[in-house]
């Protein structure tokens, strides 16, 4: 599955992406904000990720910037099973922080989620990563008022995570339109 936003191509991972993926995510400052990526992040983790079978109802995308070299991987975004529903996840490589790519990519993933028929999307961020909370709020997610302990493979321990919800069925999309 592919999706195009104003500046990004969201596409599946291919085996030849392993090295570029490793180059973007193998940064402790990135991985510590993720629940499922391990630290240290090794080349074998990137190879495993690009070889994973995709669930068509929970797509994962690499975020690419079109360019003369075909495309440059700047992060990842997708949907996953939270155990209680469908969860939005995303990460951006450090050189691309602060440029609005996380919001743009996540908005694209939410557009795909709506097309797939998902009605409710969960989100969350570790308390010490307020920038991710800003992204979720820009997208129309509403804080649940709950902070839960969530395991972070990148931290190797549990950390406080603020939780959010987005009701796609009730929202006709104003928060998903370009900001």
Protein backbone atom coordinates (compact mmCIF):
# COMPACT_ATOMS: atom_id res chain seq x y z
CA UNK A 1 0.00 0.00 0.00
CA UNK A 2 1.20 3.50 -0.87
CA UNK A 3 -0.02 6.96 0.12
CA UNK A 4 1.11 10.39 -1.07
CA UNK A 5 1.01 13.58 0.99
CA UNK A 6 2.13 17.07 -0.02
CA UNK A 7 5.83 16.35 0.63
CA UNK A 8 6.05 12.63 1.38
CA UNK A 9 5.60 9.24 -0.18
CA UNK A 10 4.45 6.68 2.39
CA UNK A 11 5.37 3.24 1.11
CA UNK A 12 6.02 -0.28 2.30
CA UNK A 13 9.51 -1.31 3.35
CA UNK A 14 11.56 -3.36 0.90
CA UNK A 15 14.57 -5.57 1.70
CA UNK A 16 16.94 -3.09 0.04
CA UNK A 17 15.76 -0.42 2.55
CA UNK A 18 17.41 -2.11 5.55
CA UNK A 19 20.61 -0.03 5.47
CA UNK A 20 18.81 3.31 5.06
CA UNK A 21 16.28 2.37 7.74
CA UNK A 22 19.10 1.49 10.12
CA UNK A 23 20.78 4.83 9.36
CA UNK A 24 17.66 6.76 10.38
CA UNK A 25 16.40 4.88 13.40
CA UNK A 26 19.63 3.74 15.07
CA UNK A 27 19.65 6.82 17.31
CA UNK A 28 18.97 6.48 21.02
CA UNK A 29 17.10 9.81 20.98
CA UNK A 30 14.66 8.35 18.46
CA UNK A 31 14.33 4.81 19.82
CA UNK A 32 13.78 5.85 23.45
CA UNK A 33 10.49 7.45 22.39
CA UNK A 34 9.20 4.23 20.82
CA UNK A 35 7.55 1.32 22.58
CA UNK A 36 8.53 -1.54 20.26
CA UNK A 37 11.97 -0.73 18.81
CA UNK A 38 14.86 -2.20 20.81
CA UNK A 39 18.01 -0.44 21.96
CA UNK A 40 20.64 -0.82 20.80
CA UNK A 41 19.02 -0.94 17.39
CA UNK A 42 21.18 -3.20 15.24
CA UNK A 43 21.38 -3.80 11.48
CA UNK A 44 19.68 -7.17 12.03
CA UNK A 45 16.65 -5.37 13.52
CA UNK A 46 16.33 -3.30 10.35
CA UNK A 47 16.62 -6.44 8.21
CA UNK A 48 13.90 -8.13 10.30
CA UNK A 49 11.63 -5.10 10.00
CA UNK A 50 11.85 -4.85 6.21
CA UNK A 51 11.20 -8.60 5.91
CA UNK A 52 8.05 -8.57 8.10
CA UNK A 53 4.77 -9.58 6.53
CA UNK A 54 2.29 -6.71 6.44
CA UNK A 55 -1.25 -6.89 7.78
CA UNK A 56 -3.36 -5.09 5.14
CA UNK A 57 -5.62 -3.68 7.89
CA UNK A 58 -2.64 -2.35 9.89
CA UNK A 59 -0.19 -1.00 7.32
CA UNK A 60 3.27 0.26 8.20
CA UNK A 61 4.99 2.77 5.97
CA UNK A 62 8.46 4.14 5.45
CA UNK A 63 8.37 7.89 4.98
CA UNK A 64 10.33 9.04 1.99
CA UNK A 65 11.25 12.36 0.46
CA UNK A 66 11.27 12.20 -3.32
CA UNK A 67 14.62 13.13 -4.83
CA UNK A 68 17.13 12.48 -7.56
CA UNK A 69 18.27 9.30 -5.77
CA UNK A 70 14.75 7.85 -5.92
CA UNK A 71 13.77 8.57 -2.34
CA UNK A 72 15.30 9.29 1.03
CA UNK A 73 13.89 7.50 4.10
CA UNK A 74 13.20 10.00 6.87
CA UNK A 75 11.06 7.93 9.23
CA UNK A 76 8.24 5.50 9.66
CA UNK A 77 4.54 5.57 10.50
CA UNK A 78 1.70 3.13 10.63
CA UNK A 79 -1.07 1.40 12.45
CA UNK A 80 -0.64 -1.37 14.99
CA UNK A 81 -2.55 -3.51 17.44
CA UNK A 82 -2.48 -1.92 20.88
CA UNK A 83 -4.15 -4.88 22.54
CA UNK A 84 -7.32 -2.84 23.02
CA UNK A 85 -7.67 -1.40 19.52
CA UNK A 86 -5.81 0.21 16.65
CA UNK A 87 -2.89 2.47 17.51
CA UNK A 88 -1.07 5.13 15.48
CA UNK A 89 2.71 5.10 15.69
CA UNK A 90 5.39 7.22 14.02
CA UNK A 91 9.04 8.23 14.24
CA UNK A 92 11.19 10.73 12.40
CA UNK A 93 14.99 10.57 11.99
CA UNK A 94 16.70 13.32 14.00
CA UNK A 95 17.91 15.43 11.02
CA UNK A 96 14.25 15.89 10.02
CA UNK A 97 12.80 16.87 13.41
CA UNK A 98 10.91 20.16 13.65
CA UNK A 99 9.80 20.32 10.02
CA UNK A 100 6.24 19.03 10.37
CA UNK A 101 6.94 15.63 8.84
CA UNK A 102 5.51 13.67 11.79
CA UNK A 103 2.20 15.52 11.56
CA UNK A 104 2.05 15.20 7.78
CA UNK A 105 2.89 11.49 7.80
CA UNK A 106 0.51 10.69 10.66
CA UNK A 107 -2.26 12.61 8.88
CA UNK A 108 -1.62 10.43 5.83
CA UNK A 109 -1.80 7.26 7.92
CA UNK A 110 -5.11 8.44 9.41
CA UNK A 111 -6.47 9.03 5.90
CA UNK A 112 -5.56 5.42 5.08
CA UNK A 113 -7.12 4.25 8.38
CA UNK A 114 -10.40 5.94 7.44
CA UNK A 115 -10.32 4.32 3.97
CA UNK A 116 -9.75 0.93 5.63
CA UNK A 117 -12.85 1.45 7.77
CA UNK A 118 -11.21 2.04 11.13
CA UNK A 119 -13.45 4.13 13.34
CA UNK A 120 -11.34 4.74 16.43
CA UNK A 121 -7.58 5.23 16.69
CA UNK A 122 -5.53 5.26 19.87
CA UNK A 123 -2.36 7.26 20.36
CA UNK A 124 0.08 7.94 23.10
CA UNK A 125 3.41 9.43 24.00
CA UNK A 126 5.86 9.05 26.82
CA UNK A 127 5.52 11.92 29.28
CA UNK A 128 9.06 13.12 28.56
CA UNK A 129 8.28 13.43 24.82
CA UNK A 130 5.78 16.33 24.69
CA UNK A 131 6.55 17.01 21.01
CA UNK A 132 4.69 13.82 20.12
CA UNK A 133 1.72 15.00 22.17
CA UNK A 134 1.68 18.19 20.11
CA UNK A 135 1.51 16.10 16.94
CA UNK A 136 -1.41 14.07 18.29
CA UNK A 137 -3.36 17.17 19.33
CA UNK A 138 -2.78 18.81 15.90
CA UNK A 139 -4.35 15.71 14.35
CA UNK A 140 -7.47 16.00 16.50
CA UNK A 141 -6.64 13.36 19.10
CA UNK A 142 -8.17 14.08 22.48
CA UNK A 143 -6.37 13.29 25.73
CA UNK A 144 -8.11 10.54 27.69
CA UNK A 145 -6.89 12.03 30.97
CA UNK A 146 -5.11 8.76 31.70
CA UNK A 147 -1.42 8.17 32.11
CA UNK A 148 -0.45 4.50 31.97
CA UNK A 149 2.78 2.60 32.47
CA UNK A 150 3.97 1.25 29.13
CA UNK A 151 7.00 -0.85 28.38
CA UNK A 152 9.55 0.75 26.07
CA UNK A 153 11.93 -1.73 24.47
CA UNK A 154 14.21 1.21 23.64
CA UNK A 155 14.43 2.24 27.29
CA UNK A 156 14.44 -1.31 28.58
CA UNK A 157 11.81 -0.41 31.18
CA UNK A 158 8.33 0.91 31.73
CA UNK A 159 7.65 4.62 31.49
CA UNK A 160 4.62 6.87 31.96
CA UNK A 161 2.62 7.23 28.75
CA UNK A 162 -0.17 9.76 28.17
CA UNK A 163 -3.05 8.29 26.17
CA UNK A 164 -5.22 9.83 23.45
CA UNK A 165 -8.17 8.84 21.26
CA UNK A 166 -9.39 9.91 17.86
CA UNK A 167 -12.92 8.98 16.79
CA UNK A 168 -12.71 8.81 13.00
CA UNK A 169 -16.38 7.82 12.73
CA UNK A 170 -17.54 10.99 14.48
CA UNK A 171 -14.99 13.27 12.84
CA UNK A 172 -15.66 14.08 9.19
CA UNK A 173 -12.04 15.02 8.77
CA UNK A 174 -11.37 18.70 9.45
CA UNK A 175 -8.41 17.74 11.65
CA UNK A 176 -7.08 15.52 8.88
CA UNK A 177 -7.01 18.24 6.24
CA UNK A 178 -3.77 20.07 5.55
CA UNK A 179 -2.88 22.54 8.27
